[in-house]
Amino acid sequence: MTTQQHDSSVYEEIGGSERFQELKRRYRSWAFPMTVAFLAWYLLYVVLSGFARDFMGTKVWGNINIALIFGLLQFVSTFLIAWAYARHSAAKLDPLADELRHEIEGNPAAADGEVKA
C-alpha cells in the first residue's frame, strides 16, 4: 500500500469517527450562531445608515454622531469575536483536535492525554 492510500484511509477513518464529528459539532455550534449574530449586527448598521439617516446623524458629542459610534463598534465587535473564538477554541476545540492529531500520528499515549506536546 502506498503512503497516499494509507493517508487517505486514515483520514477517512478519522473523519467518520464520533470524536471528529464531535469536534465539528463543537465548532459549528459556536461559529454558525456567532456568524449570524455578526452579520445581523453589520446589516443593522448598513440598513440604518441607508434608511435612518436622521437617527444615524444624531450628534452625541461634538462632531461625533451615532453612525460614527456604530462604525467604530463594528471594529470592536470584530476583535471581541476573534478573542472569544480564541478562548472557545483553546477550551473546547484544541484538546479534542490534539487527541485526534496524536492518534493519527501514532502516539496513543498522547491521545489519552498522558503526554503533552
PDB file of N, CA and C in Angstrom:
ATOM      1  N   MET A   1       0.841  -1.168   0.000  1.00  0.00           N
ATOM      2  CA  MET A   1       0.000   0.000   0.000  1.00  0.00           C
ATOM      3  C   MET A   1       0.891   1.237   0.000  1.00  0.00           C
ATOM      4  N   THR A   2       0.557   2.209  -0.837  1.00  0.00           N
ATOM      5  CA  THR A   2       1.361   3.423  -0.899  1.00  0.00           C
ATOM      6  C   THR A   2       1.006   4.346   0.263  1.00  0.00           C
ATOM      7  N   THR A   3       1.896   5.301   0.499  1.00  0.00           N
ATOM      8  CA  THR A   3       1.675   6.245   1.592  1.00  0.00           C
ATOM      9  C   THR A   3       0.403   7.050   1.368  1.00  0.00           C
ATOM     10  N   GLN A   4       0.163   7.445   0.113  1.00  0.00           N
ATOM     11  CA  GLN A   4      -1.021   8.241  -0.178  1.00  0.00           C
ATOM     12  C   GLN A   4      -2.292   7.453   0.122  1.00  0.00           C
ATOM     13  N   GLN A   5      -2.331   6.176  -0.261  1.00  0.00           N
ATOM     14  CA  GLN A   5      -3.503   5.353   0.025  1.00  0.00           C
ATOM     15  C   GLN A   5      -3.667   5.183   1.531  1.00  0.00           C
ATOM     16  N   HIS A   6      -2.559   4.988   2.237  1.00  0.00           N
ATOM     17  CA  HIS A   6      -2.611   4.825   3.681  1.00  0.00           C
ATOM     18  C   HIS A   6      -3.122   6.105   4.334  1.00  0.00           C
ATOM     19  N   ASP A   7      -2.597   7.257   3.908  1.00  0.00           N
ATOM     20  CA  ASP A   7      -3.020   8.532   4.478  1.00  0.00           C
ATOM     21  C   ASP A   7      -4.507   8.774   4.261  1.00  0.00           C
ATOM     22  N   SER A   8      -4.998   8.523   3.056  1.00  0.00           N
ATOM     23  CA  SER A   8      -6.409   8.791   2.791  1.00  0.00           C
ATOM     24  C   SER A   8      -7.299   7.860   3.601  1.00  0.00           C
ATOM     25  N   SER A   9      -6.896   6.606   3.790  1.00  0.00           N
ATOM     26  CA  SER A   9      -7.732   5.708   4.581  1.00  0.00           C
ATOM     27  C   SER A   9      -7.743   6.119   6.049  1.00  0.00           C
ATOM     28  N   VAL A  10      -6.618   6.610   6.562  1.00  0.00           N
ATOM     29  CA  VAL A  10      -6.571   7.086   7.944  1.00  0.00           C
ATOM     30  C   VAL A  10      -7.483   8.291   8.104  1.00  0.00           C
ATOM     31  N   TYR A  11      -7.424   9.228   7.172  1.00  0.00           N
ATOM     32  CA  TYR A  11      -8.243  10.425   7.275  1.00  0.00           C
ATOM     33  C   TYR A  11      -9.725  10.116   7.084  1.00  0.00           C
ATOM     34  N   GLU A  12     -10.034   9.157   6.236  1.00  0.00           N
ATOM     35  CA  GLU A  12     -11.428   8.745   6.082  1.00  0.00           C
ATOM     36  C   GLU A  12     -11.938   8.103   7.368  1.00  0.00           C
ATOM     37  N   GLU A  13     -11.096   7.309   7.994  1.00  0.00           N
ATOM     38  CA  GLU A  13     -11.473   6.666   9.250  1.00  0.00           C
ATOM     39  C   GLU A  13     -11.681   7.714  10.346  1.00  0.00           C
ATOM     40  N   ILE A  14     -10.754   8.633  10.480  1.00  0.00           N
ATOM     41  CA  ILE A  14     -10.870   9.691  11.492  1.00  0.00           C
ATOM     42  C   ILE A  14     -12.079  10.577  11.182  1.00  0.00           C
ATOM     43  N   GLY A  15     -12.275  10.912   9.909  1.00  0.00           N
ATOM     44  CA  GLY A  15     -13.392  11.769   9.522  1.00  0.00           C
ATOM     45  C   GLY A  15     -14.740  11.166   9.857  1.00  0.00           C
ATOM     46  N   GLY A  16     -14.814   9.857   9.902  1.00  0.00           N
ATOM     47  CA  GLY A  16     -16.065   9.189  10.240  1.00  0.00           C
ATOM     48  C   GLY A  16     -16.205   8.866  11.718  1.00  0.00           C
ATOM     49  N   SER A  17     -15.182   9.158  12.496  1.00  0.00           N
ATOM     50  CA  SER A  17     -15.221   8.800  13.915  1.00  0.00           C
ATOM     51  C   SER A  17     -16.141   9.737  14.698  1.00  0.00           C
ATOM     52  N   GLU A  18     -16.634   9.243  15.818  1.00  0.00           N
ATOM     53  CA  GLU A  18     -17.521  10.037  16.664  1.00  0.00           C
ATOM     54  C   GLU A  18     -16.804  11.258  17.241  1.00  0.00           C
ATOM     55  N   ARG A  19     -15.534  11.109  17.584  1.00  0.00           N
ATOM     56  CA  ARG A  19     -14.793  12.237  18.165  1.00  0.00           C
ATOM     57  C   ARG A  19     -14.596  13.355  17.149  1.00  0.00           C
ATOM     58  N   PHE A  20     -14.342  12.998  15.894  1.00  0.00           N
ATOM     59  CA  PHE A  20     -14.198  14.039  14.875  1.00  0.00           C
ATOM     60  C   PHE A  20     -15.539  14.721  14.625  1.00  0.00           C
ATOM     61  N   GLN A  21     -16.604  13.950  14.618  1.00  0.00           N
ATOM     62  CA  GLN A  21     -17.937  14.528  14.458  1.00  0.00           C
ATOM     63  C   GLN A  21     -18.254  15.468  15.624  1.00  0.00           C
ATOM     64  N   GLU A  22     -17.813  15.088  16.828  1.00  0.00           N
ATOM     65  CA  GLU A  22     -17.985  15.956  17.995  1.00  0.00           C
ATOM     66  C   GLU A  22     -17.193  17.251  17.834  1.00  0.00           C
ATOM     67  N   LEU A  23     -15.980  17.151  17.302  1.00  0.00           N
ATOM     68  CA  LEU A  23     -15.160  18.339  17.048  1.00  0.00           C
ATOM     69  C   LEU A  23     -15.870  19.275  16.071  1.00  0.00           C
ATOM     70  N   LYS A  24     -16.408  18.711  15.005  1.00  0.00           N
ATOM     71  CA  LYS A  24     -17.142  19.528  14.037  1.00  0.00           C
ATOM     72  C   LYS A  24     -18.385  20.136  14.667  1.00  0.00           C
ATOM     73  N   ARG A  25     -19.091  19.380  15.504  1.00  0.00           N
ATOM     74  CA  ARG A  25     -20.291  19.885  16.163  1.00  0.00           C
ATOM     75  C   ARG A  25     -19.948  21.053  17.089  1.00  0.00           C
ATOM     76  N   ARG A  26     -18.866  20.901  17.856  1.00  0.00           N
ATOM     77  CA  ARG A  26     -18.446  21.981  18.759  1.00  0.00           C
ATOM     78  C   ARG A  26     -18.095  23.244  17.978  1.00  0.00           C
ATOM     79  N   TYR A  27     -17.397  23.074  16.869  1.00  0.00           N
ATOM     80  CA  TYR A  27     -17.028  24.225  16.043  1.00  0.00           C
ATOM     81  C   TYR A  27     -18.276  24.908  15.480  1.00  0.00           C
ATOM     82  N   ARG A  28     -19.140  24.105  14.881  1.00  0.00           N
ATOM     83  CA  ARG A  28     -20.331  24.675  14.252  1.00  0.00           C
ATOM     84  C   ARG A  28     -21.281  25.303  15.264  1.00  0.00           C
ATOM     85  N   SER A  29     -21.395  24.707  16.443  1.00  0.00           N
ATOM     86  CA  SER A  29     -22.327  25.247  17.436  1.00  0.00           C
ATOM     87  C   SER A  29     -21.885  26.619  17.928  1.00  0.00           C
ATOM     88  N   TRP A  30     -20.626  26.955  17.750  1.00  0.00           N
ATOM     89  CA  TRP A  30     -20.154  28.288  18.123  1.00  0.00           C
ATOM     90  C   TRP A  30     -20.076  29.196  16.900  1.00  0.00           C
ATOM     91  N   ALA A  31     -19.501  28.697  15.825  1.00  0.00           N
ATOM     92  CA  ALA A  31     -19.218  29.549  14.663  1.00  0.00           C
ATOM     93  C   ALA A  31     -20.487  29.994  13.934  1.00  0.00           C
ATOM     94  N   PHE A  32     -21.443  29.108  13.745  1.00  0.00           N
ATOM     95  CA  PHE A  32     -22.628  29.494  12.980  1.00  0.00           C
ATOM     96  C   PHE A  32     -23.468  30.553  13.692  1.00  0.00           C
ATOM     97  N   PRO A  33     -23.810  30.363  14.979  1.00  0.00           N
ATOM     98  CA  PRO A  33     -24.582  31.432  15.641  1.00  0.00           C
ATOM     99  C   PRO A  33     -23.822  32.755  15.713  1.00  0.00           C
ATOM    100  N   MET A  34     -22.525  32.689  15.939  1.00  0.00           N
ATOM    101  CA  MET A  34     -21.740  33.926  16.028  1.00  0.00           C
ATOM    102  C   MET A  34     -21.692  34.621  14.668  1.00  0.00           C
ATOM    103  N   THR A  35     -21.597  33.857  13.606  1.00  0.00           N
ATOM    104  CA  THR A  35     -21.604  34.435  12.258  1.00  0.00           C
ATOM    105  C   THR A  35     -22.937  35.111  11.976  1.00  0.00           C
ATOM    106  N   VAL A  36     -24.023  34.442  12.327  1.00  0.00           N
ATOM    107  CA  VAL A  36     -25.352  35.022  12.119  1.00  0.00           C
ATOM    108  C   VAL A  36     -25.501  36.306  12.931  1.00  0.00           C
ATOM    109  N   ALA A  37     -25.064  36.272  14.184  1.00  0.00           N
ATOM    110  CA  ALA A  37     -25.167  37.461  15.037  1.00  0.00           C
ATOM    111  C   ALA A  37     -24.353  38.619  14.469  1.00  0.00           C
ATOM    112  N   PHE A  38     -23.127  38.335  14.026  1.00  0.00           N
ATOM    113  CA  PHE A  38     -22.304  39.409  13.487  1.00  0.00           C
ATOM    114  C   PHE A  38     -22.900  39.968  12.195  1.00  0.00           C
ATOM    115  N   LEU A  39     -23.367  39.093  11.318  1.00  0.00           N
ATOM    116  CA  LEU A  39     -23.962  39.577  10.070  1.00  0.00           C
ATOM    117  C   LEU A  39     -25.221  40.402  10.333  1.00  0.00           C
ATOM    118  N   ALA A  40     -26.023  39.992  11.311  1.00  0.00           N
ATOM    119  CA  ALA A  40     -27.218  40.767  11.663  1.00  0.00           C
ATOM    120  C   ALA A  40     -26.819  42.144  12.175  1.00  0.00           C
ATOM    121  N   TRP A  41     -25.793  42.197  13.019  1.00  0.00           N
ATOM    122  CA  TRP A  41     -25.298  43.461  13.560  1.00  0.00           C
ATOM    123  C   TRP A  41     -24.767  44.348  12.429  1.00  0.00           C
ATOM    124  N   TYR A  42     -24.010  43.756  11.509  1.00  0.00           N
ATOM    125  CA  TYR A  42     -23.467  44.516  10.385  1.00  0.00           C
ATOM    126  C   TYR A  42     -24.592  45.031   9.484  1.00  0.00           C
ATOM    127  N   LEU A  43     -25.553  44.161   9.176  1.00  0.00           N
ATOM    128  CA  LEU A  43     -26.656  44.583   8.303  1.00  0.00           C
ATOM    129  C   LEU A  43     -27.520  45.654   8.969  1.00  0.00           C
ATOM    130  N   LEU A  44     -27.656  45.590  10.286  1.00  0.00           N
ATOM    131  CA  LEU A  44     -28.372  46.644  11.004  1.00  0.00           C
ATOM    132  C   LEU A  44     -27.676  47.978  10.774  1.00  0.00           C
ATOM    133  N   TYR A  45     -26.372  47.987  10.872  1.00  0.00           N
ATOM    134  CA  TYR A  45     -25.589  49.205  10.639  1.00  0.00           C
ATOM    135  C   TYR A  45     -25.800  49.726   9.214  1.00  0.00           C
ATOM    136  N   VAL A  46     -25.750  48.846   8.248  1.00  0.00           N
ATOM    137  CA  VAL A  46     -25.923  49.243   6.846  1.00  0.00           C
ATOM    138  C   VAL A  46     -27.333  49.773   6.598  1.00  0.00           C
ATOM    139  N   VAL A  47     -28.328  49.047   7.101  1.00  0.00           N
ATOM    140  CA  VAL A  47     -29.722  49.466   6.887  1.00  0.00           C
ATOM    141  C   VAL A  47     -29.997  50.802   7.572  1.00  0.00           C
ATOM    142  N   LEU A  48     -29.545  50.937   8.808  1.00  0.00           N
ATOM    143  CA  LEU A  48     -29.741  52.214   9.497  1.00  0.00           C
ATOM    144  C   LEU A  48     -29.028  53.347   8.777  1.00  0.00           C
ATOM    145  N   SER A  49     -27.843  53.081   8.248  1.00  0.00           N
ATOM    146  CA  SER A  49     -27.109  54.115   7.515  1.00  0.00           C
ATOM    147  C   SER A  49     -27.852  54.544   6.261  1.00  0.00           C
ATOM    148  N   GLY A  50     -28.540  53.605   5.640  1.00  0.00           N
ATOM    149  CA  GLY A  50     -29.251  53.913   4.399  1.00  0.00           C
ATOM    150  C   GLY A  50     -30.637  54.487   4.600  1.00  0.00           C
ATOM    151  N   PHE A  51     -31.339  54.006   5.630  1.00  0.00           N
ATOM    152  CA  PHE A  51     -32.749  54.372   5.763  1.00  0.00           C
ATOM    153  C   PHE A  51     -33.090  55.183   7.003  1.00  0.00           C
ATOM    154  N   ALA A  52     -32.181  55.298   7.937  1.00  0.00           N
ATOM    155  CA  ALA A  52     -32.450  56.085   9.148  1.00  0.00           C
ATOM    156  C   ALA A  52     -31.372  57.159   9.281  1.00  0.00           C
ATOM    157  N   ARG A  53     -31.253  57.957   8.256  1.00  0.00           N
ATOM    158  CA  ARG A  53     -30.181  58.948   8.208  1.00  0.00           C
ATOM    159  C   ARG A  53     -30.282  59.979   9.338  1.00  0.00           C
ATOM    160  N   ASP A  54     -31.497  60.361   9.672  1.00  0.00           N
ATOM    161  CA  ASP A  54     -31.646  61.341  10.752  1.00  0.00           C
ATOM    162  C   ASP A  54     -31.161  60.750  12.082  1.00  0.00           C
ATOM    163  N   PHE A  55     -31.550  59.511  12.337  1.00  0.00           N
ATOM    164  CA  PHE A  55     -31.111  58.850  13.562  1.00  0.00           C
ATOM    165  C   PHE A  55     -29.595  58.691  13.576  1.00  0.00           C
ATOM    166  N   MET A  56     -29.034  58.193  12.488  1.00  0.00           N
ATOM    167  CA  MET A  56     -27.585  57.958  12.428  1.00  0.00           C
ATOM    168  C   MET A  56     -26.809  59.270  12.465  1.00  0.00           C
ATOM    169  N   GLY A  57     -27.416  60.358  12.022  1.00  0.00           N
ATOM    170  CA  GLY A  57     -26.748  61.654  12.024  1.00  0.00           C
ATOM    171  C   GLY A  57     -26.877  62.406  13.339  1.00  0.00           C
ATOM    172  N   THR A  58     -27.563  61.808  14.289  1.00  0.00           N
ATOM    173  CA  THR A  58     -27.746  62.468  15.585  1.00  0.00           C
ATOM    174  C   THR A  58     -26.396  62.676  16.266  1.00  0.00           C
ATOM    175  N   LYS A  59     -26.121  63.928  16.600  1.00  0.00           N
ATOM    176  CA  LYS A  59     -24.848  64.257  17.266  1.00  0.00           C
ATOM    177  C   LYS A  59     -24.909  63.794  18.716  1.00  0.00           C
ATOM    178  N   VAL A  60     -23.839  63.136  19.141  1.00  0.00           N
ATOM    179  CA  VAL A  60     -23.749  62.652  20.512  1.00  0.00           C
ATOM    180  C   VAL A  60     -22.864  63.572  21.324  1.00  0.00           C
ATOM    181  N   TRP A  61     -21.736  63.937  20.733  1.00  0.00           N
ATOM    182  CA  TRP A  61     -20.775  64.800  21.410  1.00  0.00           C
ATOM    183  C   TRP A  61     -19.921  65.476  20.339  1.00  0.00           C
ATOM    184  N   GLY A  62     -19.980  66.770  20.238  1.00  0.00           N
ATOM    185  CA  GLY A  62     -19.228  67.489  19.205  1.00  0.00           C
ATOM    186  C   GLY A  62     -19.649  67.031  17.822  1.00  0.00           C
ATOM    187  N   ASN A  63     -18.667  66.626  17.015  1.00  0.00           N
ATOM    188  CA  ASN A  63     -18.953  66.123  15.670  1.00  0.00           C
ATOM    189  C   ASN A  63     -19.128  64.604  15.641  1.00  0.00           C
ATOM    190  N   ILE A  64     -19.165  63.975  16.788  1.00  0.00           N
ATOM    191  CA  ILE A  64     -19.333  62.516  16.853  1.00  0.00           C
ATOM    192  C   ILE A  64     -20.822  62.197  16.851  1.00  0.00           C
ATOM    193  N   ASN A  65     -21.227  61.415  15.841  1.00  0.00           N
ATOM    194  CA  ASN A  65     -22.634  61.049  15.742  1.00  0.00           C
ATOM    195  C   ASN A  65     -22.818  59.539  15.940  1.00  0.00           C
ATOM    196  N   ILE A  66     -24.044  59.115  15.934  1.00  0.00           N
ATOM    197  CA  ILE A  66     -24.354  57.700  16.169  1.00  0.00           C
ATOM    198  C   ILE A  66     -23.738  56.821  15.076  1.00  0.00           C
ATOM    199  N   ALA A  67     -23.731  57.277  13.838  1.00  0.00           N
ATOM    200  CA  ALA A  67     -23.150  56.490  12.750  1.00  0.00           C
ATOM    201  C   ALA A  67     -21.670  56.208  12.998  1.00  0.00           C
ATOM    202  N   LEU A  68     -20.931  57.206  13.462  1.00  0.00           N
ATOM    203  CA  LEU A  68     -19.515  57.016  13.751  1.00  0.00           C
ATOM    204  C   LEU A  68     -19.332  56.022  14.903  1.00  0.00           C
ATOM    205  N   ILE A  69     -20.145  56.152  15.922  1.00  0.00           N
ATOM    206  CA  ILE A  69     -20.056  55.225  17.054  1.00  0.00           C
ATOM    207  C   ILE A  69     -20.363  53.801  16.598  1.00  0.00           C
ATOM    208  N   PHE A  70     -21.443  53.624  15.824  1.00  0.00           N
ATOM    209  CA  PHE A  70     -21.774  52.283  15.328  1.00  0.00           C
ATOM    210  C   PHE A  70     -20.649  51.736  14.443  1.00  0.00           C
ATOM    211  N   GLY A  71     -20.073  52.594  13.615  1.00  0.00           N
ATOM    212  CA  GLY A  71     -18.969  52.158  12.760  1.00  0.00           C
ATOM    213  C   GLY A  71     -17.774  51.690  13.568  1.00  0.00           C
ATOM    214  N   LEU A  72     -17.426  52.441  14.605  1.00  0.00           N
ATOM    215  CA  LEU A  72     -16.312  52.025  15.469  1.00  0.00           C
ATOM    216  C   LEU A  72     -16.649  50.748  16.231  1.00  0.00           C
ATOM    217  N   LEU A  73     -17.914  50.606  16.609  1.00  0.00           N
ATOM    218  CA  LEU A  73     -18.325  49.378  17.308  1.00  0.00           C
ATOM    219  C   LEU A  73     -18.221  48.137  16.409  1.00  0.00           C
ATOM    220  N   GLN A  74     -18.258  48.344  15.096  1.00  0.00           N
ATOM    221  CA  GLN A  74     -18.041  47.216  14.178  1.00  0.00           C
ATOM    222  C   GLN A  74     -16.638  46.645  14.388  1.00  0.00           C
ATOM    223  N   PHE A  75     -15.658  47.518  14.528  1.00  0.00           N
ATOM    224  CA  PHE A  75     -14.291  47.061  14.782  1.00  0.00           C
ATOM    225  C   PHE A  75     -14.192  46.384  16.150  1.00  0.00           C
ATOM    226  N   VAL A  76     -14.793  46.996  17.146  1.00  0.00           N
ATOM    227  CA  VAL A  76     -14.757  46.432  18.496  1.00  0.00           C
ATOM    228  C   VAL A  76     -15.383  45.043  18.505  1.00  0.00           C
ATOM    229  N   SER A  77     -16.535  44.902  17.874  1.00  0.00           N
ATOM    230  CA  SER A  77     -17.203  43.593  17.864  1.00  0.00           C
ATOM    231  C   SER A  77     -16.376  42.556  17.106  1.00  0.00           C
ATOM    232  N   THR A  78     -15.696  42.957  16.063  1.00  0.00           N
ATOM    233  CA  THR A  78     -14.844  42.023  15.327  1.00  0.00           C
ATOM    234  C   THR A  78     -13.720  41.503  16.216  1.00  0.00           C
ATOM    235  N   PHE A  79     -13.065  42.402  16.937  1.00  0.00           N
ATOM    236  CA  PHE A  79     -11.984  41.971  17.834  1.00  0.00           C
ATOM    237  C   PHE A  79     -12.513  41.139  18.994  1.00  0.00           C
ATOM    238  N   LEU A  80     -13.677  41.486  19.520  1.00  0.00           N
ATOM    239  CA  LEU A  80     -14.262  40.689  20.599  1.00  0.00           C
ATOM    240  C   LEU A  80     -14.620  39.283  20.139  1.00  0.00           C
ATOM    241  N   ILE A  81     -15.141  39.176  18.941  1.00  0.00           N
ATOM    242  CA  ILE A  81     -15.469  37.854  18.403  1.00  0.00           C
ATOM    243  C   ILE A  81     -14.203  37.031  18.205  1.00  0.00           C
ATOM    244  N   ALA A  82     -13.150  37.650  17.684  1.00  0.00           N
ATOM    245  CA  ALA A  82     -11.883  36.927  17.495  1.00  0.00           C
ATOM    246  C   ALA A  82     -11.327  36.465  18.839  1.00  0.00           C
ATOM    247  N   TRP A  83     -11.383  37.318  19.855  1.00  0.00           N
ATOM    248  CA  TRP A  83     -10.906  36.961  21.192  1.00  0.00           C
ATOM    249  C   TRP A  83     -11.749  35.825  21.782  1.00  0.00           C
ATOM    250  N   ALA A  84     -13.069  35.934  21.651  1.00  0.00           N
ATOM    251  CA  ALA A  84     -13.959  34.900  22.182  1.00  0.00           C
ATOM    252  C   ALA A  84     -13.736  33.574  21.458  1.00  0.00           C
ATOM    253  N   TYR A  85     -13.504  33.628  20.144  1.00  0.00           N
ATOM    254  CA  TYR A  85     -13.247  32.389  19.418  1.00  0.00           C
ATOM    255  C   TYR A  85     -11.932  31.747  19.865  1.00  0.00           C
ATOM    256  N   ALA A  86     -10.917  32.549  20.086  1.00  0.00           N
ATOM    257  CA  ALA A  86      -9.640  32.003  20.557  1.00  0.00           C
ATOM    258  C   ALA A  86      -9.822  31.296  21.900  1.00  0.00           C
ATOM    259  N   ARG A  87     -10.598  31.883  22.792  1.00  0.00           N
ATOM    260  CA  ARG A  87     -10.873  31.244  24.089  1.00  0.00           C
ATOM    261  C   ARG A  87     -11.684  29.963  23.914  1.00  0.00           C
ATOM    262  N   HIS A  88     -12.709  30.025  23.074  1.00  0.00           N
ATOM    263  CA  HIS A  88     -13.540  28.843  22.820  1.00  0.00           C
ATOM    264  C   HIS A  88     -12.704  27.727  22.213  1.00  0.00           C
ATOM    265  N   SER A  89     -11.897  28.097  21.249  1.00  0.00           N
ATOM    266  CA  SER A  89     -11.052  27.101  20.585  1.00  0.00           C
ATOM    267  C   SER A  89     -10.082  26.454  21.564  1.00  0.00           C
ATOM    268  N   ALA A  90      -9.434  27.257  22.390  1.00  0.00           N
ATOM    269  CA  ALA A  90      -8.471  26.724  23.351  1.00  0.00           C
ATOM    270  C   ALA A  90      -9.139  25.800  24.361  1.00  0.00           C
ATOM    271  N   ALA A  91     -10.361  26.123  24.749  1.00  0.00           N
ATOM    272  CA  ALA A  91     -11.032  25.337  25.777  1.00  0.00           C
ATOM    273  C   ALA A  91     -11.769  24.123  25.230  1.00  0.00           C
ATOM    274  N   LYS A  92     -12.399  24.252  24.074  1.00  0.00           N
ATOM    275  CA  LYS A  92     -13.302  23.205  23.582  1.00  0.00           C
ATOM    276  C   LYS A  92     -12.810  22.460  22.348  1.00  0.00           C
ATOM    277  N   LEU A  93     -12.054  23.129  21.488  1.00  0.00           N
ATOM    278  CA  LEU A  93     -11.671  22.503  20.221  1.00  0.00           C
ATOM    279  C   LEU A  93     -10.259  21.926  20.245  1.00  0.00           C
ATOM    280  N   ASP A  94      -9.306  22.702  20.742  1.00  0.00           N
ATOM    281  CA  ASP A  94      -7.909  22.282  20.689  1.00  0.00           C
ATOM    282  C   ASP A  94      -7.620  20.974  21.423  1.00  0.00           C
ATOM    283  N   PRO A  95      -8.173  20.747  22.618  1.00  0.00           N
ATOM    284  CA  PRO A  95      -7.877  19.471  23.283  1.00  0.00           C
ATOM    285  C   PRO A  95      -8.323  18.259  22.462  1.00  0.00           C
ATOM    286  N   LEU A  96      -9.510  18.326  21.909  1.00  0.00           N
ATOM    287  CA  LEU A  96     -10.008  17.213  21.103  1.00  0.00           C
ATOM    288  C   LEU A  96      -9.225  17.091  19.794  1.00  0.00           C
ATOM    289  N   ALA A  97      -8.892  18.214  19.180  1.00  0.00           N
ATOM    290  CA  ALA A  97      -8.099  18.186  17.943  1.00  0.00           C
ATOM    291  C   ALA A  97      -6.714  17.611  18.214  1.00  0.00           C
ATOM    292  N   ASP A  98      -6.126  17.944  19.362  1.00  0.00           N
ATOM    293  CA  ASP A  98      -4.816  17.388  19.726  1.00  0.00           C
ATOM    294  C   ASP A  98      -4.891  15.876  19.905  1.00  0.00           C
ATOM    295  N   GLU A  99      -5.949  15.398  20.550  1.00  0.00           N
ATOM    296  CA  GLU A  99      -6.125  13.949  20.708  1.00  0.00           C
ATOM    297  C   GLU A  99      -6.185  13.261  19.347  1.00  0.00           C
ATOM    298  N   LEU A 100      -6.975  13.828  18.449  1.00  0.00           N
ATOM    299  CA  LEU A 100      -7.097  13.242  17.111  1.00  0.00           C
ATOM    300  C   LEU A 100      -5.765  13.291  16.363  1.00  0.00           C
ATOM    301  N   ARG A 101      -5.051  14.398  16.492  1.00  0.00           N
ATOM    302  CA  ARG A 101      -3.751  14.521  15.815  1.00  0.00           C
ATOM    303  C   ARG A 101      -2.778  13.469  16.334  1.00  0.00           C
ATOM    304  N   HIS A 102      -2.722  13.312  17.649  1.00  0.00           N
ATOM    305  CA  HIS A 102      -1.816  12.319  18.220  1.00  0.00           C
ATOM    306  C   HIS A 102      -2.203  10.899  17.791  1.00  0.00           C
ATOM    307  N   GLU A 103      -3.479  10.659  17.682  1.00  0.00           N
ATOM    308  CA  GLU A 103      -3.947   9.349  17.226  1.00  0.00           C
ATOM    309  C   GLU A 103      -3.498   9.086  15.793  1.00  0.00           C
ATOM    310  N   ILE A 104      -3.633  10.106  14.949  1.00  0.00           N
ATOM    311  CA  ILE A 104      -3.221   9.963  13.548  1.00  0.00           C
ATOM    312  C   ILE A 104      -1.711   9.757  13.446  1.00  0.00           C
ATOM    313  N   GLU A 105      -0.967  10.486  14.273  1.00  0.00           N
ATOM    314  CA  GLU A 105       0.486  10.399  14.231  1.00  0.00           C
ATOM    315  C   GLU A 105       1.019   9.131  14.894  1.00  0.00           C
ATOM    316  N   GLY A 106       0.118   8.364  15.497  1.00  0.00           N
ATOM    317  CA  GLY A 106       0.541   7.102  16.081  1.00  0.00           C
ATOM    318  C   GLY A 106       1.109   7.205  17.462  1.00  0.00           C
ATOM    319  N   ASN A 107       0.655   8.160  18.247  1.00  0.00           N
ATOM    320  CA  ASN A 107       1.131   8.327  19.622  1.00  0.00           C
ATOM    321  C   ASN A 107      -0.070   8.138  20.546  1.00  0.00           C
ATOM    322  N   PRO A 108      -0.445   6.879  20.813  1.00  0.00           N
ATOM    323  CA  PRO A 108      -1.672   6.623  21.577  1.00  0.00           C
ATOM    324  C   PRO A 108      -1.608   7.158  23.012  1.00  0.00           C
ATOM    325  N   ALA A 109      -0.423   7.225  23.623  1.00  0.00           N
ATOM    326  CA  ALA A 109      -0.317   7.745  24.989  1.00  0.00           C
ATOM    327  C   ALA A 109      -0.734   9.219  25.002  1.00  0.00           C
ATOM    328  N   ALA A 110      -0.323   9.956  23.982  1.00  0.00           N
ATOM    329  CA  ALA A 110      -0.683  11.375  23.893  1.00  0.00           C
ATOM    330  C   ALA A 110      -2.163  11.517  23.606  1.00  0.00           C
ATOM    331  N   ALA A 111      -2.726  10.597  22.841  1.00  0.00           N
ATOM    332  CA  ALA A 111      -4.150  10.643  22.530  1.00  0.00           C
ATOM    333  C   ALA A 111      -4.985  10.448  23.786  1.00  0.00           C
ATOM    334  N   ASP A 112      -4.467   9.719  24.768  1.00  0.00           N
ATOM    335  CA  ASP A 112      -5.174   9.515  26.022  1.00  0.00           C
ATOM    336  C   ASP A 112      -4.944  10.647  27.001  1.00  0.00           C
ATOM    337  N   GLY A 113      -4.163  11.633  26.615  1.00  0.00           N
ATOM    338  CA  GLY A 113      -3.912  12.783  27.470  1.00  0.00           C
ATOM    339  C   GLY A 113      -2.743  12.590  28.423  1.00  0.00           C
ATOM    340  N   GLU A 114      -1.964  11.511  28.273  1.00  0.00           N
ATOM    341  CA  GLU A 114      -0.862  11.258  29.190  1.00  0.00           C
ATOM    342  C   GLU A 114       0.376  12.062  28.842  1.00  0.00           C
ATOM    343  N   VAL A 115       0.556  12.367  27.570  1.00  0.00           N
ATOM    344  CA  VAL A 115       1.756  13.069  27.121  1.00  0.00           C
ATOM    345  C   VAL A 115       1.309  14.398  26.516  1.00  0.00           C
ATOM    346  N   LYS A 116       1.909  15.460  26.956  1.00  0.00           N
ATOM    347  CA  LYS A 116       1.588  16.781  26.397  1.00  0.00           C
ATOM    348  C   LYS A 116       2.657  17.196  25.414  1.00  0.00           C
ATOM    349  N   ALA A 117       2.231  17.751  24.287  1.00  0.00           N
ATOM    350  CA  ALA A 117       3.169  18.189  23.259  1.00  0.00           C
ATOM    351  C   ALA A 117       3.681  19.571  23.562  1.00  0.00           C
TER     352      ALA A 117
END
